Amino acid sequence: MAEITLVIGSDTRCADDKLPGELRHVVVDYTTRAVTHVVVEPKGRVGLARLVPLDAITDATGGTIRLRYTDAEFKQLRPAEESLAELTGYGEVELLPAGWSGADDEPAVDGSRLPPIREIVTETRDVVPPGEEEESSGDHLHATDGDIGQLRAICIDPSTGQVTHVHVLLKGHLLGHKEVAVPSGSVSGFRGGIHVNITRQQVRDLAQADIGHPIG
């Protein structure tokens, strides 16, 4: 497979064409600078995002990312976030609908069987493997002399997961918007945004490289 572009915000589909979702984040090992997973969340279902291994992507062309998992298999993948609720008088429980595995592969609590509750406070937090970082749409590109743009996509070599380019939407561009592909050799780090070892002007001087997907 040729180099693939992981556009954050792309539609995703399982192998059986069920459970349409969205690519929310790209997970990068900040030591090896290789993509290990993508985070996919079913549309309209907050708190059910899953960590999808990179090798589960079968196609990333045409604006839709195809996965080799069925919807049932997807539901059993490791959660990328945990939705927890503090129920007055009953402690903390994990909120998951039937058919979804939890962080510890425990069955979900069926909220309809709980006694009446006066108060419920929910919290959703990200869960990624140690030593790895989520890269999201809108993450800042930090040049040596300041911020210059925001992340739109990450290009990788699918055989190794190595990042080859990062696509960045430049801010404050006089012509409306300009998107450039920053080569991996200019990327110095992936923690706290994307860091590059070139100046803002050098980023602006890169050739325009629109990926063709609508900008949300």
N, C-alpha and C. Protein backbone atom coordinates (compact mmCIF):
# COMPACT_ATOMS: atom_id res chain seq x y z
N MET A 1 0.84 -1.19 0.00
CA MET A 1 0.00 0.00 0.00
C MET A 1 0.88 1.24 0.00
N ALA A 2 0.51 2.24 -0.83
CA ALA A 2 1.27 3.48 -0.90
C ALA A 2 1.05 4.29 0.38
N GLU A 3 1.79 5.37 0.50
CA GLU A 3 1.62 6.27 1.63
C GLU A 3 0.14 6.61 1.81
N ILE A 4 -0.33 6.61 3.05
CA ILE A 4 -1.72 6.96 3.29
C ILE A 4 -1.81 8.22 4.14
N THR A 5 -2.90 8.93 3.93
CA THR A 5 -3.15 10.18 4.64
C THR A 5 -4.31 9.98 5.59
N LEU A 6 -4.07 10.18 6.87
CA LEU A 6 -5.10 10.04 7.90
C LEU A 6 -5.64 11.43 8.21
N VAL A 7 -6.77 11.74 7.59
CA VAL A 7 -7.39 13.05 7.77
C VAL A 7 -8.27 13.01 9.01
N ILE A 8 -7.93 13.80 9.99
CA ILE A 8 -8.69 13.80 11.23
C ILE A 8 -10.07 14.40 10.96
N GLY A 9 -11.09 13.67 11.37
CA GLY A 9 -12.46 14.06 11.05
C GLY A 9 -13.07 13.25 9.93
N SER A 10 -12.28 12.36 9.31
CA SER A 10 -12.79 11.52 8.23
C SER A 10 -13.87 10.57 8.73
N ASP A 11 -14.80 10.22 7.83
CA ASP A 11 -15.77 9.18 8.13
C ASP A 11 -15.07 7.82 8.19
N THR A 12 -15.58 6.93 9.03
CA THR A 12 -15.05 5.57 9.11
C THR A 12 -16.21 4.58 8.93
N ARG A 13 -15.86 3.39 8.45
CA ARG A 13 -16.84 2.33 8.26
C ARG A 13 -16.25 1.00 8.69
N CYS A 14 -17.06 0.19 9.37
CA CYS A 14 -16.64 -1.16 9.70
C CYS A 14 -16.80 -2.06 8.47
N ALA A 15 -16.29 -3.29 8.57
CA ALA A 15 -16.27 -4.21 7.43
C ALA A 15 -17.67 -4.57 6.96
N ASP A 16 -18.64 -4.55 7.87
CA ASP A 16 -20.01 -4.90 7.50
C ASP A 16 -20.86 -3.67 7.21
N ASP A 17 -20.18 -2.52 7.04
CA ASP A 17 -20.86 -1.26 6.70
C ASP A 17 -21.82 -0.78 7.78
N LYS A 18 -21.66 -1.30 8.98
CA LYS A 18 -22.47 -0.83 10.10
C LYS A 18 -21.63 0.12 10.94
N LEU A 19 -22.27 0.73 11.92
CA LEU A 19 -21.60 1.56 12.90
C LEU A 19 -20.74 2.65 12.25
N PRO A 20 -21.33 3.56 11.50
CA PRO A 20 -20.53 4.66 10.94
C PRO A 20 -19.90 5.48 12.06
N GLY A 21 -18.67 5.90 11.83
CA GLY A 21 -17.96 6.64 12.86
C GLY A 21 -17.12 7.75 12.29
N GLU A 22 -16.27 8.29 13.13
CA GLU A 22 -15.40 9.40 12.75
C GLU A 22 -14.02 9.19 13.36
N LEU A 23 -12.99 9.47 12.57
CA LEU A 23 -11.62 9.42 13.08
C LEU A 23 -11.39 10.67 13.91
N ARG A 24 -11.25 10.49 15.22
CA ARG A 24 -11.14 11.63 16.12
C ARG A 24 -9.70 12.04 16.39
N HIS A 25 -8.79 11.04 16.54
CA HIS A 25 -7.40 11.33 16.87
C HIS A 25 -6.49 10.32 16.17
N VAL A 26 -5.24 10.70 16.02
CA VAL A 26 -4.18 9.80 15.56
C VAL A 26 -3.21 9.65 16.72
N VAL A 27 -2.88 8.41 17.10
CA VAL A 27 -2.03 8.16 18.26
C VAL A 27 -0.60 7.88 17.78
N VAL A 28 0.34 8.68 18.26
CA VAL A 28 1.73 8.60 17.83
C VAL A 28 2.62 8.21 19.01
N ASP A 29 3.49 7.24 18.79
CA ASP A 29 4.54 6.92 19.77
C ASP A 29 5.58 8.03 19.64
N TYR A 30 5.71 8.86 20.68
CA TYR A 30 6.57 10.04 20.53
C TYR A 30 8.06 9.71 20.62
N THR A 31 8.40 8.46 20.91
CA THR A 31 9.81 8.06 20.87
C THR A 31 10.21 7.57 19.48
N THR A 32 9.40 6.68 18.92
CA THR A 32 9.71 6.15 17.58
C THR A 32 9.14 7.01 16.47
N ARG A 33 8.21 7.91 16.82
CA ARG A 33 7.54 8.78 15.86
C ARG A 33 6.78 7.98 14.82
N ALA A 34 6.15 6.92 15.29
CA ALA A 34 5.32 6.07 14.43
C ALA A 34 3.89 6.09 14.95
N VAL A 35 2.94 6.06 14.04
CA VAL A 35 1.53 5.96 14.41
C VAL A 35 1.24 4.52 14.80
N THR A 36 0.60 4.32 15.93
CA THR A 36 0.27 2.97 16.41
C THR A 36 -1.23 2.68 16.33
N HIS A 37 -2.05 3.69 16.54
CA HIS A 37 -3.49 3.52 16.56
C HIS A 37 -4.16 4.77 15.98
N VAL A 38 -5.43 4.62 15.65
CA VAL A 38 -6.30 5.77 15.46
C VAL A 38 -7.46 5.63 16.44
N VAL A 39 -8.04 6.74 16.80
CA VAL A 39 -9.19 6.75 17.69
C VAL A 39 -10.44 6.99 16.86
N VAL A 40 -11.36 6.05 16.91
CA VAL A 40 -12.60 6.13 16.15
C VAL A 40 -13.77 6.17 17.13
N GLU A 41 -14.67 7.12 16.90
CA GLU A 41 -15.86 7.24 17.75
C GLU A 41 -17.11 7.09 16.89
N PRO A 42 -18.04 6.22 17.29
CA PRO A 42 -19.30 6.11 16.55
C PRO A 42 -20.02 7.46 16.53
N LYS A 43 -20.62 7.78 15.41
CA LYS A 43 -21.29 9.07 15.28
C LYS A 43 -22.48 9.15 16.24
N GLY A 44 -22.54 10.26 16.96
CA GLY A 44 -23.63 10.49 17.88
C GLY A 44 -23.55 9.71 19.17
N ARG A 45 -22.39 9.08 19.46
CA ARG A 45 -22.28 8.25 20.67
C ARG A 45 -21.05 8.68 21.47
N VAL A 46 -21.18 9.73 22.22
CA VAL A 46 -20.06 10.25 23.01
C VAL A 46 -19.68 9.24 24.08
N GLY A 47 -18.36 9.06 24.27
CA GLY A 47 -17.86 8.17 25.31
C GLY A 47 -17.63 6.74 24.87
N LEU A 48 -17.82 6.44 23.57
CA LEU A 48 -17.64 5.06 23.09
C LEU A 48 -16.50 4.96 22.08
N ALA A 49 -15.58 5.90 22.09
CA ALA A 49 -14.44 5.86 21.17
C ALA A 49 -13.57 4.64 21.47
N ARG A 50 -12.96 4.09 20.42
CA ARG A 50 -12.12 2.90 20.54
C ARG A 50 -10.74 3.15 19.93
N LEU A 51 -9.72 2.50 20.53
CA LEU A 51 -8.37 2.51 19.97
C LEU A 51 -8.29 1.44 18.89
N VAL A 52 -8.13 1.85 17.66
CA VAL A 52 -8.08 0.93 16.52
C VAL A 52 -6.64 0.79 16.06
N PRO A 53 -6.06 -0.42 16.08
CA PRO A 53 -4.68 -0.59 15.62
C PRO A 53 -4.52 -0.14 14.18
N LEU A 54 -3.36 0.40 13.87
CA LEU A 54 -3.12 0.92 12.54
C LEU A 54 -3.34 -0.13 11.46
N ASP A 55 -2.93 -1.39 11.73
CA ASP A 55 -3.05 -2.42 10.70
C ASP A 55 -4.49 -2.86 10.45
N ALA A 56 -5.44 -2.30 11.20
CA ALA A 56 -6.85 -2.61 10.96
C ALA A 56 -7.45 -1.74 9.86
N ILE A 57 -6.70 -0.74 9.38
CA ILE A 57 -7.18 0.11 8.29
C ILE A 57 -6.93 -0.61 6.98
N THR A 58 -8.00 -0.87 6.25
CA THR A 58 -7.88 -1.56 4.96
C THR A 58 -7.88 -0.60 3.78
N ASP A 59 -8.41 0.60 3.98
CA ASP A 59 -8.44 1.59 2.90
C ASP A 59 -8.64 2.97 3.53
N ALA A 60 -7.94 3.95 2.98
CA ALA A 60 -8.08 5.32 3.50
C ALA A 60 -8.22 6.31 2.36
N THR A 61 -8.79 5.88 1.25
CA THR A 61 -8.97 6.75 0.10
C THR A 61 -10.43 7.14 -0.03
N GLY A 62 -10.67 8.17 -0.81
CA GLY A 62 -12.04 8.57 -1.09
C GLY A 62 -12.76 9.24 0.05
N GLY A 63 -12.03 9.67 1.07
CA GLY A 63 -12.65 10.39 2.17
C GLY A 63 -13.23 9.52 3.27
N THR A 64 -13.19 8.20 3.10
CA THR A 64 -13.70 7.28 4.13
C THR A 64 -12.62 6.28 4.51
N ILE A 65 -12.46 6.06 5.80
CA ILE A 65 -11.48 5.09 6.30
C ILE A 65 -12.20 3.79 6.60
N ARG A 66 -11.78 2.72 5.94
CA ARG A 66 -12.40 1.41 6.09
C ARG A 66 -11.60 0.58 7.09
N LEU A 67 -12.33 -0.13 7.96
CA LEU A 67 -11.71 -0.97 8.98
C LEU A 67 -12.03 -2.43 8.71
N ARG A 68 -11.13 -3.32 9.14
CA ARG A 68 -11.35 -4.75 8.91
C ARG A 68 -12.27 -5.37 9.95
N TYR A 69 -12.65 -4.62 10.98
CA TYR A 69 -13.50 -5.14 12.04
C TYR A 69 -14.99 -5.01 11.68
N THR A 70 -15.79 -5.97 12.11
CA THR A 70 -17.24 -5.81 12.08
C THR A 70 -17.62 -4.88 13.23
N ASP A 71 -18.88 -4.45 13.24
CA ASP A 71 -19.29 -3.56 14.33
C ASP A 71 -19.21 -4.26 15.68
N ALA A 72 -19.52 -5.58 15.72
CA ALA A 72 -19.42 -6.33 16.98
C ALA A 72 -17.98 -6.41 17.46
N GLU A 73 -17.04 -6.61 16.54
CA GLU A 73 -15.62 -6.67 16.90
C GLU A 73 -15.13 -5.30 17.35
N PHE A 74 -15.59 -4.26 16.68
CA PHE A 74 -15.19 -2.90 17.06
C PHE A 74 -15.59 -2.59 18.50
N LYS A 75 -16.78 -3.02 18.90
CA LYS A 75 -17.27 -2.73 20.24
C LYS A 75 -16.42 -3.38 21.33
N GLN A 76 -15.66 -4.42 20.97
CA GLN A 76 -14.84 -5.11 21.96
C GLN A 76 -13.40 -4.60 22.00
N LEU A 77 -13.08 -3.62 21.16
CA LEU A 77 -11.72 -3.06 21.18
C LEU A 77 -11.51 -2.25 22.46
N ARG A 78 -10.25 -1.99 22.73
CA ARG A 78 -9.88 -1.24 23.93
C ARG A 78 -10.45 0.18 23.87
N PRO A 79 -11.13 0.62 24.93
CA PRO A 79 -11.67 1.98 24.92
C PRO A 79 -10.56 3.03 24.82
N ALA A 80 -10.86 4.10 24.07
CA ALA A 80 -9.94 5.23 23.98
C ALA A 80 -10.29 6.31 24.98
N GLU A 81 -11.43 6.13 25.62
CA GLU A 81 -11.83 7.06 26.67
C GLU A 81 -12.76 6.32 27.62
N GLU A 82 -12.84 6.83 28.81
CA GLU A 82 -13.70 6.23 29.83
C GLU A 82 -14.77 7.25 30.21
N SER A 83 -16.01 6.81 30.21
CA SER A 83 -17.10 7.65 30.71
C SER A 83 -17.53 7.09 32.05
N LEU A 84 -17.32 7.86 33.07
CA LEU A 84 -17.65 7.43 34.43
C LEU A 84 -18.72 8.33 35.02
N ALA A 85 -19.53 7.76 35.88
CA ALA A 85 -20.59 8.54 36.53
C ALA A 85 -20.51 8.38 38.03
N GLU A 86 -20.66 9.47 38.72
CA GLU A 86 -20.73 9.43 40.18
C GLU A 86 -22.21 9.49 40.55
N LEU A 87 -22.74 8.37 41.04
CA LEU A 87 -24.15 8.26 41.37
C LEU A 87 -24.33 8.47 42.87
N THR A 88 -25.14 9.41 43.24
CA THR A 88 -25.33 9.73 44.65
C THR A 88 -25.74 8.49 45.44
N GLY A 89 -24.91 8.10 46.38
CA GLY A 89 -25.22 6.97 47.23
C GLY A 89 -24.78 5.62 46.68
N TYR A 90 -24.26 5.57 45.45
CA TYR A 90 -23.94 4.26 44.87
C TYR A 90 -22.52 4.18 44.32
N GLY A 91 -21.73 5.24 44.45
CA GLY A 91 -20.34 5.18 44.01
C GLY A 91 -20.20 5.36 42.51
N GLU A 92 -19.02 5.03 42.01
CA GLU A 92 -18.67 5.27 40.62
C GLU A 92 -18.89 4.02 39.79
N VAL A 93 -19.61 4.14 38.66
CA VAL A 93 -19.83 3.02 37.76
C VAL A 93 -19.50 3.45 36.35
N GLU A 94 -19.20 2.48 35.51
CA GLU A 94 -18.91 2.78 34.12
C GLU A 94 -20.19 2.77 33.32
N LEU A 95 -20.35 3.77 32.45
CA LEU A 95 -21.55 3.90 31.65
C LEU A 95 -21.30 3.34 30.26
N LEU A 96 -21.89 2.21 29.95
CA LEU A 96 -21.76 1.60 28.63
C LEU A 96 -23.06 0.92 28.25
N PRO A 97 -23.47 1.04 26.99
CA PRO A 97 -24.66 0.30 26.55
C PRO A 97 -24.35 -1.18 26.38
N ALA A 98 -25.38 -1.97 26.25
CA ALA A 98 -25.20 -3.41 26.08
C ALA A 98 -24.38 -3.70 24.83
N GLY A 99 -23.49 -4.71 24.92
CA GLY A 99 -22.69 -5.12 23.78
C GLY A 99 -21.32 -4.50 23.72
N TRP A 100 -21.06 -3.50 24.58
CA TRP A 100 -19.76 -2.81 24.58
C TRP A 100 -18.94 -3.28 25.77
N SER A 101 -17.65 -3.54 25.52
CA SER A 101 -16.77 -3.92 26.63
C SER A 101 -16.23 -2.68 27.29
N GLY A 102 -15.93 -2.80 28.59
CA GLY A 102 -15.38 -1.68 29.32
C GLY A 102 -13.86 -1.72 29.35
N ALA A 103 -13.28 -0.80 30.09
CA ALA A 103 -11.82 -0.71 30.16
C ALA A 103 -11.21 -1.98 30.72
N ASP A 104 -11.94 -2.67 31.62
CA ASP A 104 -11.45 -3.90 32.22
C ASP A 104 -12.24 -5.11 31.75
N ASP A 105 -12.91 -4.96 30.58
CA ASP A 105 -13.71 -6.05 30.00
C ASP A 105 -14.80 -6.54 30.93
N GLU A 106 -15.26 -5.66 31.82
CA GLU A 106 -16.36 -6.02 32.71
C GLU A 106 -17.68 -5.65 32.05
N PRO A 107 -18.76 -6.38 32.38
CA PRO A 107 -20.06 -6.03 31.80
C PRO A 107 -20.48 -4.63 32.20
N ALA A 108 -21.21 -3.97 31.33
CA ALA A 108 -21.72 -2.64 31.64
C ALA A 108 -22.85 -2.74 32.67
N VAL A 109 -22.96 -1.73 33.48
CA VAL A 109 -24.07 -1.67 34.43
C VAL A 109 -25.31 -1.20 33.68
N ASP A 110 -26.40 -1.89 33.86
CA ASP A 110 -27.66 -1.51 33.23
C ASP A 110 -28.34 -0.47 34.12
N GLY A 111 -28.26 0.79 33.70
CA GLY A 111 -28.78 1.87 34.52
C GLY A 111 -30.25 1.76 34.82
N SER A 112 -31.02 1.05 33.98
CA SER A 112 -32.46 0.95 34.21
C SER A 112 -32.79 0.12 35.44
N ARG A 113 -31.82 -0.64 35.94
CA ARG A 113 -32.06 -1.48 37.11
C ARG A 113 -31.62 -0.82 38.42
N LEU A 114 -31.04 0.35 38.32
CA LEU A 114 -30.60 1.03 39.53
C LEU A 114 -31.79 1.70 40.21
N PRO A 115 -31.76 1.81 41.53
CA PRO A 115 -32.82 2.53 42.24
C PRO A 115 -32.83 4.00 41.82
N PRO A 116 -33.88 4.74 42.11
CA PRO A 116 -33.92 6.17 41.77
C PRO A 116 -32.71 6.91 42.34
N ILE A 117 -32.14 7.81 41.54
CA ILE A 117 -30.92 8.52 41.92
C ILE A 117 -31.22 10.02 41.89
N ARG A 118 -30.84 10.71 42.95
CA ARG A 118 -31.12 12.14 43.02
C ARG A 118 -30.15 12.95 42.17
N GLU A 119 -28.92 12.45 41.99
CA GLU A 119 -27.92 13.25 41.29
C GLU A 119 -26.96 12.33 40.55
N ILE A 120 -26.55 12.75 39.34
CA ILE A 120 -25.56 12.00 38.57
C ILE A 120 -24.60 13.00 37.92
N VAL A 121 -23.31 12.78 38.12
CA VAL A 121 -22.28 13.64 37.54
C VAL A 121 -21.39 12.77 36.67
N THR A 122 -21.26 13.10 35.39
CA THR A 122 -20.47 12.28 34.47
C THR A 122 -19.15 12.96 34.11
N GLU A 123 -18.18 12.14 33.78
CA GLU A 123 -16.87 12.63 33.36
C GLU A 123 -16.34 11.69 32.28
N THR A 124 -15.82 12.25 31.20
CA THR A 124 -15.19 11.45 30.15
C THR A 124 -13.73 11.85 30.05
N ARG A 125 -12.84 10.86 30.07
CA ARG A 125 -11.40 11.16 30.00
C ARG A 125 -10.75 10.22 29.01
N ASP A 126 -9.71 10.74 28.34
CA ASP A 126 -8.99 9.97 27.33
C ASP A 126 -8.12 8.91 27.98
N VAL A 127 -7.94 7.79 27.24
CA VAL A 127 -7.07 6.70 27.68
C VAL A 127 -6.20 6.30 26.50
N VAL A 128 -4.89 6.55 26.59
CA VAL A 128 -3.97 6.13 25.53
C VAL A 128 -2.82 5.36 26.16
N PRO A 129 -2.16 4.50 25.39
CA PRO A 129 -1.04 3.73 25.95
C PRO A 129 0.07 4.65 26.45
N PRO A 130 0.81 4.23 27.49
CA PRO A 130 1.95 5.01 27.98
C PRO A 130 2.96 5.26 26.87
N GLY A 131 3.55 6.44 26.87
CA GLY A 131 4.56 6.78 25.88
C GLY A 131 4.00 7.21 24.54
N GLU A 132 2.68 7.36 24.47
CA GLU A 132 2.06 7.75 23.22
C GLU A 132 1.22 9.01 23.43
N GLU A 133 0.95 9.69 22.34
CA GLU A 133 0.27 10.98 22.39
C GLU A 133 -0.82 11.04 21.34
N GLU A 134 -1.98 11.56 21.72
CA GLU A 134 -3.05 11.77 20.75
C GLU A 134 -2.82 13.07 20.00
N GLU A 135 -2.91 13.00 18.68
CA GLU A 135 -2.85 14.20 17.86
C GLU A 135 -4.24 14.42 17.28
N SER A 136 -4.73 15.66 17.43
CA SER A 136 -6.11 15.95 17.10
C SER A 136 -6.20 17.11 16.13
N SER A 137 -7.33 17.20 15.43
CA SER A 137 -7.56 18.32 14.54
C SER A 137 -7.51 19.62 15.34
N GLY A 138 -6.76 20.56 14.84
CA GLY A 138 -6.64 21.83 15.53
C GLY A 138 -5.46 21.93 16.46
N ASP A 139 -4.74 20.81 16.71
CA ASP A 139 -3.51 20.90 17.51
C ASP A 139 -2.55 21.89 16.86
N HIS A 140 -1.88 22.67 17.68
CA HIS A 140 -1.04 23.73 17.15
C HIS A 140 0.29 23.21 16.60
N LEU A 141 0.73 23.86 15.51
CA LEU A 141 2.07 23.63 14.98
C LEU A 141 2.96 24.71 15.58
N HIS A 142 4.00 24.28 16.31
CA HIS A 142 4.90 25.21 16.98
C HIS A 142 6.21 25.29 16.19
N ALA A 143 6.43 26.42 15.51
CA ALA A 143 7.70 26.67 14.84
C ALA A 143 8.71 27.17 15.87
N THR A 144 9.94 27.35 15.44
CA THR A 144 10.98 27.77 16.39
C THR A 144 10.73 29.17 16.93
N ASP A 145 9.94 29.97 16.19
CA ASP A 145 9.68 31.35 16.63
C ASP A 145 8.20 31.61 16.90
N GLY A 146 7.44 30.55 17.16
CA GLY A 146 6.04 30.75 17.54
C GLY A 146 5.08 29.84 16.78
N ASP A 147 3.81 29.91 17.17
CA ASP A 147 2.78 29.09 16.52
C ASP A 147 2.52 29.60 15.11
N ILE A 148 2.18 28.68 14.20
CA ILE A 148 1.99 29.06 12.81
C ILE A 148 0.73 28.44 12.21
N GLY A 149 0.22 27.36 12.74
CA GLY A 149 -0.95 26.74 12.13
C GLY A 149 -1.51 25.63 12.98
N GLN A 150 -2.46 24.87 12.37
CA GLN A 150 -3.14 23.81 13.09
C GLN A 150 -3.16 22.53 12.27
N LEU A 151 -3.07 21.41 12.96
CA LEU A 151 -3.00 20.10 12.31
C LEU A 151 -4.30 19.74 11.62
N ARG A 152 -4.19 19.18 10.40
CA ARG A 152 -5.35 18.64 9.67
C ARG A 152 -5.22 17.15 9.43
N ALA A 153 -4.01 16.66 9.14
CA ALA A 153 -3.85 15.25 8.78
C ALA A 153 -2.41 14.83 9.01
N ILE A 154 -2.22 13.52 9.11
CA ILE A 154 -0.88 12.94 9.23
C ILE A 154 -0.72 11.90 8.15
N CYS A 155 0.38 11.99 7.39
CA CYS A 155 0.70 11.02 6.34
C CYS A 155 1.69 10.02 6.90
N ILE A 156 1.49 8.75 6.56
CA ILE A 156 2.36 7.71 7.11
C ILE A 156 2.74 6.70 6.04
N ASP A 157 3.83 5.99 6.31
CA ASP A 157 4.20 4.81 5.56
C ASP A 157 3.46 3.65 6.22
N PRO A 158 2.46 3.05 5.55
CA PRO A 158 1.64 2.03 6.22
C PRO A 158 2.40 0.78 6.61
N SER A 159 3.54 0.52 5.99
CA SER A 159 4.29 -0.68 6.32
C SER A 159 5.02 -0.57 7.65
N THR A 160 5.31 0.66 8.06
CA THR A 160 6.04 0.87 9.31
C THR A 160 5.28 1.75 10.31
N GLY A 161 4.31 2.50 9.82
CA GLY A 161 3.62 3.46 10.67
C GLY A 161 4.36 4.77 10.83
N GLN A 162 5.55 4.88 10.23
CA GLN A 162 6.35 6.10 10.40
C GLN A 162 5.67 7.30 9.74
N VAL A 163 5.70 8.41 10.45
CA VAL A 163 5.14 9.64 9.92
C VAL A 163 6.05 10.16 8.81
N THR A 164 5.44 10.49 7.66
CA THR A 164 6.22 11.04 6.54
C THR A 164 5.99 12.54 6.39
N HIS A 165 4.78 13.00 6.65
CA HIS A 165 4.44 14.43 6.58
C HIS A 165 3.33 14.72 7.59
N VAL A 166 3.23 15.96 7.99
CA VAL A 166 2.04 16.43 8.70
C VAL A 166 1.44 17.57 7.88
N HIS A 167 0.12 17.48 7.65
CA HIS A 167 -0.58 18.54 6.91
C HIS A 167 -1.09 19.56 7.91
N VAL A 168 -0.77 20.81 7.62
CA VAL A 168 -1.09 21.89 8.56
C VAL A 168 -1.82 23.01 7.83
N LEU A 169 -2.88 23.50 8.44
CA LEU A 169 -3.60 24.66 7.94
C LEU A 169 -3.00 25.90 8.59
N LEU A 170 -2.41 26.75 7.77
CA LEU A 170 -1.75 27.95 8.30
C LEU A 170 -2.79 28.97 8.75
N LYS A 171 -2.49 29.66 9.81
CA LYS A 171 -3.41 30.67 10.31
C LYS A 171 -3.01 32.05 9.82
N GLY A 172 -4.01 32.90 9.65
CA GLY A 172 -3.74 34.28 9.26
C GLY A 172 -3.23 34.43 7.85
N HIS A 173 -3.51 33.44 6.98
CA HIS A 173 -3.00 33.55 5.61
C HIS A 173 -3.87 34.53 4.83
N LEU A 174 -3.26 35.42 4.06
CA LEU A 174 -3.96 36.50 3.38
C LEU A 174 -4.94 35.99 2.32
N LEU A 175 -4.72 34.83 1.77
CA LEU A 175 -5.56 34.31 0.69
C LEU A 175 -6.67 33.41 1.21
N GLY A 176 -6.99 33.50 2.46
CA GLY A 176 -8.05 32.69 3.04
C GLY A 176 -7.47 31.54 3.85
N HIS A 177 -6.98 30.50 3.19
CA HIS A 177 -6.28 29.45 3.90
C HIS A 177 -5.21 28.85 2.98
N LYS A 178 -4.19 28.38 3.62
CA LYS A 178 -3.14 27.68 2.90
C LYS A 178 -2.78 26.45 3.70
N GLU A 179 -2.78 25.32 3.04
CA GLU A 179 -2.43 24.07 3.71
C GLU A 179 -1.10 23.59 3.15
N VAL A 180 -0.20 23.22 4.04
CA VAL A 180 1.12 22.76 3.61
C VAL A 180 1.41 21.40 4.24
N ALA A 181 2.28 20.65 3.59
CA ALA A 181 2.73 19.36 4.11
C ALA A 181 4.15 19.54 4.63
N VAL A 182 4.31 19.43 5.93
CA VAL A 182 5.62 19.59 6.55
C VAL A 182 6.29 18.22 6.59
N PRO A 183 7.48 18.07 5.97
CA PRO A 183 8.13 16.75 5.96
C PRO A 183 8.57 16.34 7.36
N SER A 184 8.61 15.03 7.58
CA SER A 184 8.93 14.52 8.92
C SER A 184 10.31 14.95 9.39
N GLY A 185 11.24 15.20 8.45
CA GLY A 185 12.57 15.64 8.84
C GLY A 185 12.58 16.99 9.54
N SER A 186 11.51 17.76 9.35
CA SER A 186 11.41 19.06 10.01
C SER A 186 10.62 19.00 11.30
N VAL A 187 10.07 17.81 11.61
CA VAL A 187 9.28 17.65 12.84
C VAL A 187 10.20 17.20 13.97
N SER A 188 10.20 17.95 15.05
CA SER A 188 11.10 17.63 16.17
C SER A 188 10.40 16.96 17.34
N GLY A 189 9.07 16.98 17.36
CA GLY A 189 8.38 16.34 18.47
C GLY A 189 6.88 16.36 18.33
N PHE A 190 6.21 15.48 19.11
CA PHE A 190 4.75 15.35 19.04
C PHE A 190 4.09 15.53 20.39
N ARG A 191 4.76 16.12 21.34
CA ARG A 191 4.17 16.29 22.66
C ARG A 191 3.73 17.73 22.85
N GLY A 192 2.46 17.90 23.25
CA GLY A 192 1.96 19.26 23.41
C GLY A 192 1.80 19.97 22.08
N GLY A 193 1.30 19.24 21.08
CA GLY A 193 1.19 19.79 19.74
C GLY A 193 2.31 19.27 18.87
N ILE A 194 2.40 19.80 17.65
CA ILE A 194 3.44 19.40 16.71
C ILE A 194 4.55 20.44 16.74
N HIS A 195 5.77 20.01 17.01
CA HIS A 195 6.91 20.92 17.07
C HIS A 195 7.81 20.70 15.85
N VAL A 196 8.21 21.80 15.22
CA VAL A 196 9.10 21.71 14.06
C VAL A 196 10.36 22.53 14.31
N ASN A 197 11.42 22.16 13.59
CA ASN A 197 12.71 22.82 13.80
C ASN A 197 13.00 23.88 12.75
N ILE A 198 11.92 24.45 12.18
CA ILE A 198 12.05 25.54 11.20
C ILE A 198 11.21 26.73 11.65
N THR A 199 11.45 27.87 11.04
CA THR A 199 10.75 29.09 11.44
C THR A 199 9.36 29.16 10.80
N ARG A 200 8.56 30.11 11.27
CA ARG A 200 7.23 30.32 10.70
C ARG A 200 7.32 30.68 9.22
N GLN A 201 8.30 31.52 8.86
CA GLN A 201 8.43 31.89 7.46
C GLN A 201 8.80 30.69 6.60
N GLN A 202 9.66 29.82 7.12
CA GLN A 202 10.02 28.61 6.35
C GLN A 202 8.81 27.69 6.17
N VAL A 203 7.93 27.65 7.16
CA VAL A 203 6.70 26.88 7.00
C VAL A 203 5.83 27.51 5.93
N ARG A 204 5.68 28.84 5.96
CA ARG A 204 4.86 29.53 4.96
C ARG A 204 5.40 29.32 3.56
N ASP A 205 6.71 29.17 3.43
CA ASP A 205 7.33 29.03 2.12
C ASP A 205 7.14 27.64 1.51
N LEU A 206 6.65 26.69 2.29
CA LEU A 206 6.41 25.35 1.75
C LEU A 206 5.29 25.42 0.71
N ALA A 207 5.35 24.53 -0.26
CA ALA A 207 4.35 24.53 -1.33
C ALA A 207 2.98 24.15 -0.78
N GLN A 208 1.94 24.74 -1.36
CA GLN A 208 0.58 24.39 -0.96
C GLN A 208 0.32 22.92 -1.27
N ALA A 209 -0.38 22.24 -0.35
CA ALA A 209 -0.59 20.79 -0.49
C ALA A 209 -1.94 20.38 0.06
N ASP A 210 -3.02 20.97 -0.48
CA ASP A 210 -4.37 20.63 -0.01
C ASP A 210 -4.65 19.15 -0.21
N ILE A 211 -5.28 18.54 0.77
CA ILE A 211 -5.59 17.11 0.67
C ILE A 211 -6.95 16.86 0.03
N GLY A 212 -7.68 17.93 -0.27
CA GLY A 212 -8.91 17.76 -1.04
C GLY A 212 -10.15 17.50 -0.23
N HIS A 213 -10.05 17.35 1.11
CA HIS A 213 -11.21 17.10 1.94
C HIS A 213 -11.75 18.46 2.44
N PRO A 214 -13.05 18.59 2.59
CA PRO A 214 -13.61 19.85 3.09
C PRO A 214 -13.05 20.18 4.46
N ILE A 215 -12.87 21.46 4.69
CA ILE A 215 -12.36 21.93 5.99
C ILE A 215 -13.55 22.26 6.88
N GLY A 216 -13.62 21.54 8.03
CA GLY A 216 -14.74 21.76 8.93
C GLY A 216 -14.47 22.90 9.89
